[in-house]
Amino acid sequence: MKLLCGNCLELMNDILDDSIDLIVTDPPYKMTSRGPNGLRGGMYSKGIVRSGKVFNYNDILPREYAKDFYRVLKDGGHCYVMTNHINLIDMLNSFTAVGFHFVKSLIWDKCFKIMGRFYMNQFEYILFFRKGVGIQINNCNTPDILSVPHDKLKQDDGSNYHDTAKPVKLMKILVENSSKEGEVVLDPFMGIGTTGIACKKLNRDFIGFEIDEYYFNIAKERIETGDYIDKTINKVRQQKLF
């Protein structure tokens, strides 16, 4: 496991060409305004959401990192990138422009609904790309709609550790389908380390980058400890990072 705190655009410069077996990531992107009928509480009540910016570091555009994703991925390697409908066209255009083949769009069904101005929101896109030759996934009976409950990790005060953290179960499906034991999985936007935990459970090697030091320290402890919640948060609190 290799975990680094910093800007992925800089850190990826140190990754050799054609050295990564799989990329699984959930990059920061602008959110949809929920309007007056949106949820009260959580990230949807924050004024910052009105501008579509939930995090301090989500001004990065797909075209800024797509080229490096393609460069470091091995021929035949798969790449999964999560996005929403606002960023869908830009993401598709940016990745195909650098050489990726768009395989298909998977749907993550969160198994619950979020109020919105135009229909209720219940899913996110997982864009599935490949580099070069097409290699089938390991479990071909996996449906393209992945129904995995979105159970967010909560702090003692009821707030989320990370507002958009994905379930480990969801990342395990992607990692298991598109890599083998011992292979290297990269997540340049690892947040609080969900992809890394999935890799650890599945005996994959993992490289993770996170620019936010607060989230990085949580991710590091979650991945390195056997107890992904209690020990992690207690230790990070002792380090006065909260």
C-alpha atoms as a PDB file:
ATOM      1  CA  MET A   1       0.000   0.000   0.000  1.00  0.00           C
ATOM      2  CA  LYS A   2       1.227   3.484  -0.875  1.00  0.00           C
ATOM      3  CA  LEU A   3      -0.733   6.451   0.497  1.00  0.00           C
ATOM      4  CA  LEU A   4       0.290  10.044  -0.192  1.00  0.00           C
ATOM      5  CA  CYS A   5      -1.224  13.357   0.820  1.00  0.00           C
ATOM      6  CA  GLY A   6      -1.015  15.875  -1.996  1.00  0.00           C
ATOM      7  CA  ASN A   7      -2.260  17.015  -5.380  1.00  0.00           C
ATOM      8  CA  CYS A   8      -2.780  13.996  -7.640  1.00  0.00           C
ATOM      9  CA  LEU A   9      -1.817  16.043 -10.705  1.00  0.00           C
ATOM     10  CA  GLU A  10       1.667  16.330  -9.231  1.00  0.00           C
ATOM     11  CA  LEU A  11       1.873  12.917  -7.571  1.00  0.00           C
ATOM     12  CA  MET A  12       0.908  11.035 -10.739  1.00  0.00           C
ATOM     13  CA  ASN A  13       4.050  12.398 -12.411  1.00  0.00           C
ATOM     14  CA  ASP A  14       6.022   9.881 -10.349  1.00  0.00           C
ATOM     15  CA  ILE A  15       3.989   6.881 -11.565  1.00  0.00           C
ATOM     16  CA  LEU A  16       5.608   5.012 -14.443  1.00  0.00           C
ATOM     17  CA  ASP A  17       3.837   4.621 -17.767  1.00  0.00           C
ATOM     18  CA  ASP A  18       1.760   1.422 -18.122  1.00  0.00           C
ATOM     19  CA  SER A  19       2.274   0.408 -14.489  1.00  0.00           C
ATOM     20  CA  ILE A  20      -1.263   0.436 -13.028  1.00  0.00           C
ATOM     21  CA  ASP A  21      -3.642  -2.509 -13.451  1.00  0.00           C
ATOM     22  CA  LEU A  22      -6.877  -0.736 -12.502  1.00  0.00           C
ATOM     23  CA  ILE A  23      -8.151   2.747 -11.663  1.00  0.00           C
ATOM     24  CA  VAL A  24     -11.220   3.143  -9.447  1.00  0.00           C
ATOM     25  CA  THR A  25     -12.045   6.664  -8.320  1.00  0.00           C
ATOM     26  CA  ASP A  26     -14.716   9.157  -7.354  1.00  0.00           C
ATOM     27  CA  PRO A  27     -13.318  12.556  -8.359  1.00  0.00           C
ATOM     28  CA  PRO A  28     -14.721  15.788  -6.937  1.00  0.00           C
ATOM     29  CA  TYR A  29     -17.289  17.432  -9.165  1.00  0.00           C
ATOM     30  CA  LYS A  30     -20.064  19.982  -8.954  1.00  0.00           C
ATOM     31  CA  MET A  31     -23.327  18.865  -7.405  1.00  0.00           C
ATOM     32  CA  THR A  32     -26.919  19.550  -8.398  1.00  0.00           C
ATOM     33  CA  SER A  33     -28.791  22.281  -6.565  1.00  0.00           C
ATOM     34  CA  ARG A  34     -31.536  20.666  -4.468  1.00  0.00           C
ATOM     35  CA  GLY A  35     -33.783  23.713  -4.382  1.00  0.00           C
ATOM     36  CA  PRO A  36     -36.218  24.545  -1.565  1.00  0.00           C
ATOM     37  CA  ASN A  37     -37.397  20.931  -1.341  1.00  0.00           C
ATOM     38  CA  GLY A  38     -33.917  19.517  -0.728  1.00  0.00           C
ATOM     39  CA  LEU A  39     -32.922  17.686   2.416  1.00  0.00           C
ATOM     40  CA  ARG A  40     -32.517  19.681   5.602  1.00  0.00           C
ATOM     41  CA  GLY A  41     -29.200  18.891   7.265  1.00  0.00           C
ATOM     42  CA  GLY A  42     -26.012  17.289   6.012  1.00  0.00           C
ATOM     43  CA  MET A  43     -24.195  18.720   3.037  1.00  0.00           C
ATOM     44  CA  TYR A  44     -27.435  19.746   1.341  1.00  0.00           C
ATOM     45  CA  SER A  45     -28.087  22.455   3.913  1.00  0.00           C
ATOM     46  CA  LYS A  46     -24.635  24.012   3.509  1.00  0.00           C
ATOM     47  CA  GLY A  47     -24.539  27.314   1.680  1.00  0.00           C
ATOM     48  CA  ILE A  48     -21.591  26.021  -0.292  1.00  0.00           C
ATOM     49  CA  VAL A  49     -23.878  23.568  -2.113  1.00  0.00           C
ATOM     50  CA  ARG A  50     -25.710  26.435  -3.780  1.00  0.00           C
ATOM     51  CA  SER A  51     -22.607  26.964  -5.914  1.00  0.00           C
ATOM     52  CA  GLY A  52     -22.208  23.220  -6.453  1.00  0.00           C
ATOM     53  CA  LYS A  53     -18.991  23.141  -4.419  1.00  0.00           C
ATOM     54  CA  VAL A  54     -19.127  20.733  -1.484  1.00  0.00           C
ATOM     55  CA  PHE A  55     -15.389  20.419  -0.812  1.00  0.00           C
ATOM     56  CA  ASN A  56     -12.462  22.814  -0.662  1.00  0.00           C
ATOM     57  CA  TYR A  57     -10.770  21.115  -3.585  1.00  0.00           C
ATOM     58  CA  ASN A  58     -13.313  20.396  -6.322  1.00  0.00           C
ATOM     59  CA  ASP A  59     -12.332  22.894  -8.992  1.00  0.00           C
ATOM     60  CA  ILE A  60     -10.371  20.256 -10.913  1.00  0.00           C
ATOM     61  CA  LEU A  61     -11.677  19.339 -14.383  1.00  0.00           C
ATOM     62  CA  PRO A  62     -11.656  15.862 -16.007  1.00  0.00           C
ATOM     63  CA  ARG A  63      -9.359  16.969 -18.818  1.00  0.00           C
ATOM     64  CA  GLU A  64      -6.700  17.810 -16.222  1.00  0.00           C
ATOM     65  CA  TYR A  65      -6.306  14.214 -15.058  1.00  0.00           C
ATOM     66  CA  ALA A  66      -7.665  12.015 -17.885  1.00  0.00           C
ATOM     67  CA  LYS A  67      -4.384  12.070 -19.820  1.00  0.00           C
ATOM     68  CA  ASP A  68      -2.371  10.830 -16.831  1.00  0.00           C
ATOM     69  CA  PHE A  69      -4.975   8.148 -16.092  1.00  0.00           C
ATOM     70  CA  TYR A  70      -4.457   6.838 -19.607  1.00  0.00           C
ATOM     71  CA  ARG A  71      -0.668   7.100 -19.406  1.00  0.00           C
ATOM     72  CA  VAL A  72      -0.231   5.118 -16.182  1.00  0.00           C
ATOM     73  CA  LEU A  73      -2.816   2.410 -16.945  1.00  0.00           C
ATOM     74  CA  LYS A  74      -1.623  -0.827 -18.531  1.00  0.00           C
ATOM     75  CA  ASP A  75      -2.921  -1.906 -21.922  1.00  0.00           C
ATOM     76  CA  GLY A  76      -6.139  -3.811 -21.338  1.00  0.00           C
ATOM     77  CA  GLY A  77      -6.640  -2.111 -17.972  1.00  0.00           C
ATOM     78  CA  HIS A  78     -10.035  -0.921 -16.779  1.00  0.00           C
ATOM     79  CA  CYS A  79     -10.917   2.487 -15.364  1.00  0.00           C
ATOM     80  CA  TYR A  80     -14.037   3.306 -13.337  1.00  0.00           C
ATOM     81  CA  VAL A  81     -14.937   6.953 -12.757  1.00  0.00           C
ATOM     82  CA  MET A  82     -18.003   8.066 -10.825  1.00  0.00           C
ATOM     83  CA  THR A  83     -19.936  11.166 -11.849  1.00  0.00           C
ATOM     84  CA  ASN A  84     -23.362  12.789 -12.001  1.00  0.00           C
ATOM     85  CA  HIS A  85     -25.491  14.008 -14.909  1.00  0.00           C
ATOM     86  CA  ILE A  86     -24.116  17.562 -14.793  1.00  0.00           C
ATOM     87  CA  ASN A  87     -20.554  16.365 -15.451  1.00  0.00           C
ATOM     88  CA  LEU A  88     -21.421  13.350 -17.605  1.00  0.00           C
ATOM     89  CA  ILE A  89     -20.739  14.834 -21.050  1.00  0.00           C
ATOM     90  CA  ASP A  90     -17.508  16.541 -19.992  1.00  0.00           C
ATOM     91  CA  MET A  91     -16.247  13.334 -18.369  1.00  0.00           C
ATOM     92  CA  LEU A  92     -17.039  11.199 -21.416  1.00  0.00           C
ATOM     93  CA  ASN A  93     -15.485  13.675 -23.854  1.00  0.00           C
ATOM     94  CA  SER A  94     -12.361  14.200 -21.758  1.00  0.00           C
ATOM     95  CA  PHE A  95     -11.614  10.494 -21.374  1.00  0.00           C
ATOM     96  CA  THR A  96     -12.313   9.439 -24.952  1.00  0.00           C
ATOM     97  CA  ALA A  97     -10.258  12.388 -26.224  1.00  0.00           C
ATOM     98  CA  VAL A  98      -7.086  10.956 -24.640  1.00  0.00           C
ATOM     99  CA  GLY A  99      -7.625   7.448 -26.024  1.00  0.00           C
ATOM    100  CA  PHE A 100      -9.913   5.621 -23.606  1.00  0.00           C
ATOM    101  CA  HIS A 101     -12.604   3.337 -25.019  1.00  0.00           C
ATOM    102  CA  PHE A 102     -15.969   3.897 -23.345  1.00  0.00           C
ATOM    103  CA  VAL A 103     -17.324   0.438 -22.465  1.00  0.00           C
ATOM    104  CA  LYS A 104     -20.611   1.377 -20.795  1.00  0.00           C
ATOM    105  CA  SER A 105     -22.225   3.277 -17.968  1.00  0.00           C
ATOM    106  CA  LEU A 106     -22.964   1.373 -14.791  1.00  0.00           C
ATOM    107  CA  ILE A 107     -25.614   2.637 -12.414  1.00  0.00           C
ATOM    108  CA  TRP A 108     -25.123   2.729  -8.670  1.00  0.00           C
ATOM    109  CA  ASP A 109     -28.584   2.463  -7.111  1.00  0.00           C
ATOM    110  CA  LYS A 110     -28.227   3.987  -3.639  1.00  0.00           C
ATOM    111  CA  CYS A 111     -31.454   2.306  -2.460  1.00  0.00           C
ATOM    112  CA  PHE A 112     -32.835   5.593  -1.138  1.00  0.00           C
ATOM    113  CA  LYS A 113     -34.097   8.845  -2.620  1.00  0.00           C
ATOM    114  CA  ILE A 114     -32.922  12.444  -2.269  1.00  0.00           C
ATOM    115  CA  MET A 115     -35.355  15.268  -2.868  1.00  0.00           C
ATOM    116  CA  GLY A 116     -34.680  17.506  -5.846  1.00  0.00           C
ATOM    117  CA  ARG A 117     -36.374  20.097  -8.044  1.00  0.00           C
ATOM    118  CA  PHE A 118     -36.775  17.759 -11.026  1.00  0.00           C
ATOM    119  CA  TYR A 119     -37.461  14.172  -9.960  1.00  0.00           C
ATOM    120  CA  MET A 120     -35.935  12.556  -6.902  1.00  0.00           C
ATOM    121  CA  ASN A 121     -32.315  11.457  -7.075  1.00  0.00           C
ATOM    122  CA  GLN A 122     -31.509   7.798  -6.419  1.00  0.00           C
ATOM    123  CA  PHE A 123     -28.439   6.897  -8.464  1.00  0.00           C
ATOM    124  CA  GLU A 124     -24.984   7.881  -9.679  1.00  0.00           C
ATOM    125  CA  TYR A 125     -23.164   7.003 -12.877  1.00  0.00           C
ATOM    126  CA  ILE A 126     -20.068   4.810 -12.845  1.00  0.00           C
ATOM    127  CA  LEU A 127     -18.390   5.308 -16.214  1.00  0.00           C
ATOM    128  CA  PHE A 128     -16.529   2.188 -17.301  1.00  0.00           C
ATOM    129  CA  PHE A 129     -13.556   2.772 -19.636  1.00  0.00           C
ATOM    130  CA  ARG A 130     -10.796   0.537 -20.942  1.00  0.00           C
ATOM    131  CA  LYS A 131      -7.381   1.156 -22.421  1.00  0.00           C
ATOM    132  CA  GLY A 132      -6.551  -0.782 -25.563  1.00  0.00           C
ATOM    133  CA  VAL A 133      -7.616  -4.390 -25.927  1.00  0.00           C
ATOM    134  CA  GLY A 134     -10.939  -5.374 -24.386  1.00  0.00           C
ATOM    135  CA  ILE A 135     -10.639  -7.801 -21.466  1.00  0.00           C
ATOM    136  CA  GLN A 136     -13.815  -9.154 -19.915  1.00  0.00           C
ATOM    137  CA  ILE A 137     -14.597  -8.696 -16.235  1.00  0.00           C
ATOM    138  CA  ASN A 138     -14.036 -11.567 -13.805  1.00  0.00           C
ATOM    139  CA  ASN A 139     -17.696 -11.998 -12.865  1.00  0.00           C
ATOM    140  CA  CYS A 140     -19.654 -11.701 -16.099  1.00  0.00           C
ATOM    141  CA  ASN A 141     -22.967 -12.271 -14.329  1.00  0.00           C
ATOM    142  CA  THR A 142     -22.685  -8.903 -12.547  1.00  0.00           C
ATOM    143  CA  PRO A 143     -25.605  -6.637 -13.556  1.00  0.00           C
ATOM    144  CA  ASP A 144     -24.973  -3.096 -14.766  1.00  0.00           C
ATOM    145  CA  ILE A 145     -27.258  -1.743 -12.037  1.00  0.00           C
ATOM    146  CA  LEU A 146     -25.472  -2.137  -8.704  1.00  0.00           C
ATOM    147  CA  SER A 147     -27.939  -1.847  -5.844  1.00  0.00           C
ATOM    148  CA  VAL A 148     -25.823  -1.110  -2.781  1.00  0.00           C
ATOM    149  CA  PRO A 149     -27.262   0.830   0.186  1.00  0.00           C
ATOM    150  CA  HIS A 150     -25.524   4.135   0.834  1.00  0.00           C
ATOM    151  CA  ASP A 151     -24.814   3.782   4.541  1.00  0.00           C
ATOM    152  CA  LYS A 152     -22.642   6.781   5.378  1.00  0.00           C
ATOM    153  CA  LEU A 153     -20.224   6.658   8.287  1.00  0.00           C
ATOM    154  CA  LYS A 154     -21.396   8.921  11.098  1.00  0.00           C
ATOM    155  CA  GLN A 155     -19.564  10.874  13.771  1.00  0.00           C
ATOM    156  CA  ASP A 156     -20.807  11.076  17.360  1.00  0.00           C
ATOM    157  CA  ASP A 157     -22.744  14.262  16.596  1.00  0.00           C
ATOM    158  CA  GLY A 158     -24.551  12.599  13.690  1.00  0.00           C
ATOM    159  CA  SER A 159     -22.617  14.352  10.925  1.00  0.00           C
ATOM    160  CA  ASN A 160     -20.838  12.453   8.155  1.00  0.00           C
ATOM    161  CA  TYR A 161     -17.137  11.703   8.233  1.00  0.00           C
ATOM    162  CA  HIS A 162     -17.199  12.443   4.502  1.00  0.00           C
ATOM    163  CA  ASP A 163     -20.253  13.741   2.659  1.00  0.00           C
ATOM    164  CA  THR A 164     -19.776  11.678  -0.511  1.00  0.00           C
ATOM    165  CA  ALA A 165     -17.901   8.579   0.705  1.00  0.00           C
ATOM    166  CA  LYS A 166     -18.905   5.451  -1.200  1.00  0.00           C
ATOM    167  CA  PRO A 167     -19.721   2.050   0.358  1.00  0.00           C
ATOM    168  CA  VAL A 168     -16.878  -0.457   0.601  1.00  0.00           C
ATOM    169  CA  LYS A 169     -19.224  -3.090  -0.837  1.00  0.00           C
ATOM    170  CA  LEU A 170     -19.643  -1.053  -4.020  1.00  0.00           C
ATOM    171  CA  MET A 171     -15.908  -0.580  -4.536  1.00  0.00           C
ATOM    172  CA  LYS A 172     -15.292  -4.269  -3.846  1.00  0.00           C
ATOM    173  CA  ILE A 173     -17.505  -5.183  -6.813  1.00  0.00           C
ATOM    174  CA  LEU A 174     -15.460  -2.998  -9.177  1.00  0.00           C
ATOM    175  CA  VAL A 175     -12.063  -4.030  -7.815  1.00  0.00           C
ATOM    176  CA  GLU A 176     -12.917  -7.738  -7.826  1.00  0.00           C
ATOM    177  CA  ASN A 177     -14.316  -7.642 -11.364  1.00  0.00           C
ATOM    178  CA  SER A 178     -11.420  -5.813 -12.997  1.00  0.00           C
ATOM    179  CA  SER A 179      -8.268  -6.972 -11.212  1.00  0.00           C
ATOM    180  CA  LYS A 180      -6.528 -10.009  -9.768  1.00  0.00           C
ATOM    181  CA  GLU A 181      -4.872 -10.616  -6.413  1.00  0.00           C
ATOM    182  CA  GLY A 182      -1.557  -8.811  -6.135  1.00  0.00           C
ATOM    183  CA  GLU A 183      -2.305  -6.334  -8.911  1.00  0.00           C
ATOM    184  CA  VAL A 184      -2.031  -2.576  -8.411  1.00  0.00           C
ATOM    185  CA  VAL A 185      -5.147  -0.417  -8.053  1.00  0.00           C
ATOM    186  CA  LEU A 186      -4.931   3.383  -8.145  1.00  0.00           C
ATOM    187  CA  ASP A 187      -7.374   5.872  -6.611  1.00  0.00           C
ATOM    188  CA  PRO A 188      -6.105   9.440  -7.136  1.00  0.00           C
ATOM    189  CA  PHE A 189      -9.052  10.926  -5.186  1.00  0.00           C
ATOM    190  CA  MET A 190      -9.299   8.446  -2.317  1.00  0.00           C
ATOM    191  CA  GLY A 191     -11.257  10.562   0.187  1.00  0.00           C
ATOM    192  CA  ILE A 192     -11.451   8.539   3.408  1.00  0.00           C
ATOM    193  CA  GLY A 193     -10.028   5.429   1.783  1.00  0.00           C
ATOM    194  CA  THR A 194     -12.985   3.307   0.683  1.00  0.00           C
ATOM    195  CA  THR A 195     -11.236   1.908  -2.408  1.00  0.00           C
ATOM    196  CA  GLY A 196      -8.148   1.150  -0.343  1.00  0.00           C
ATOM    197  CA  ILE A 197     -10.166  -0.845   2.181  1.00  0.00           C
ATOM    198  CA  ALA A 198     -11.777  -2.819  -0.661  1.00  0.00           C
ATOM    199  CA  CYS A 199      -8.305  -3.575  -2.037  1.00  0.00           C
ATOM    200  CA  LYS A 200      -7.040  -4.706   1.357  1.00  0.00           C
ATOM    201  CA  LYS A 201      -9.976  -7.063   1.770  1.00  0.00           C
ATOM    202  CA  LEU A 202      -9.374  -8.495  -1.730  1.00  0.00           C
ATOM    203  CA  ASN A 203      -5.557  -8.768  -1.488  1.00  0.00           C
ATOM    204  CA  ARG A 204      -4.825  -6.121  -4.101  1.00  0.00           C
ATOM    205  CA  ASP A 205      -1.978  -3.628  -3.871  1.00  0.00           C
ATOM    206  CA  PHE A 206      -3.175  -0.052  -3.595  1.00  0.00           C
ATOM    207  CA  ILE A 207      -1.936   3.441  -4.376  1.00  0.00           C
ATOM    208  CA  GLY A 208      -4.063   6.277  -3.008  1.00  0.00           C
ATOM    209  CA  PHE A 209      -3.755  10.057  -3.172  1.00  0.00           C
ATOM    210  CA  GLU A 210      -5.767  12.624  -1.233  1.00  0.00           C
ATOM    211  CA  ILE A 211      -5.187  16.377  -1.231  1.00  0.00           C
ATOM    212  CA  ASP A 212      -7.150  17.142   1.959  1.00  0.00           C
ATOM    213  CA  GLU A 213      -5.044  16.354   5.036  1.00  0.00           C
ATOM    214  CA  TYR A 214      -8.099  15.865   7.230  1.00  0.00           C
ATOM    215  CA  TYR A 215      -9.514  13.147   4.979  1.00  0.00           C
ATOM    216  CA  PHE A 216      -6.068  11.696   4.259  1.00  0.00           C
ATOM    217  CA  ASN A 217      -5.398  10.950   7.924  1.00  0.00           C
ATOM    218  CA  ILE A 218      -8.750   9.249   8.332  1.00  0.00           C
ATOM    219  CA  ALA A 219      -8.120   7.179   5.184  1.00  0.00           C
ATOM    220  CA  LYS A 220      -4.645   6.191   6.353  1.00  0.00           C
ATOM    221  CA  GLU A 221      -5.915   4.909   9.676  1.00  0.00           C
ATOM    222  CA  ARG A 222      -8.952   3.172   8.166  1.00  0.00           C
ATOM    223  CA  ILE A 223      -6.778   1.271   5.712  1.00  0.00           C
ATOM    224  CA  GLU A 224      -3.962   0.440   8.111  1.00  0.00           C
ATOM    225  CA  THR A 225      -6.039  -0.664  11.109  1.00  0.00           C
ATOM    226  CA  GLY A 226      -8.254  -3.680  11.452  1.00  0.00           C
ATOM    227  CA  ASP A 227     -11.007  -1.642  13.086  1.00  0.00           C
ATOM    228  CA  TYR A 228     -12.072   0.785  10.362  1.00  0.00           C
ATOM    229  CA  ILE A 229     -14.173   3.060  12.559  1.00  0.00           C
ATOM    230  CA  ASP A 230     -13.540   3.244  16.322  1.00  0.00           C
ATOM    231  CA  LYS A 231      -9.752   2.974  16.311  1.00  0.00           C
ATOM    232  CA  THR A 232      -9.492   5.299  13.345  1.00  0.00           C
ATOM    233  CA  ILE A 233     -11.488   8.167  14.764  1.00  0.00           C
ATOM    234  CA  ASN A 234     -10.042   7.894  18.262  1.00  0.00           C
ATOM    235  CA  LYS A 235      -6.512   8.054  16.938  1.00  0.00           C
ATOM    236  CA  VAL A 236      -7.198  10.947  14.585  1.00  0.00           C
ATOM    237  CA  ARG A 237      -8.881  12.856  17.409  1.00  0.00           C
ATOM    238  CA  GLN A 238      -5.836  12.302  19.603  1.00  0.00           C
ATOM    239  CA  GLN A 239      -3.771  13.883  16.857  1.00  0.00           C
ATOM    240  CA  LYS A 240      -6.069  16.939  17.132  1.00  0.00           C
ATOM    241  CA  LEU A 241      -7.053  16.838  13.502  1.00  0.00           C
ATOM    242  CA  PHE A 242     -10.732  17.366  14.303  1.00  0.00           C
END
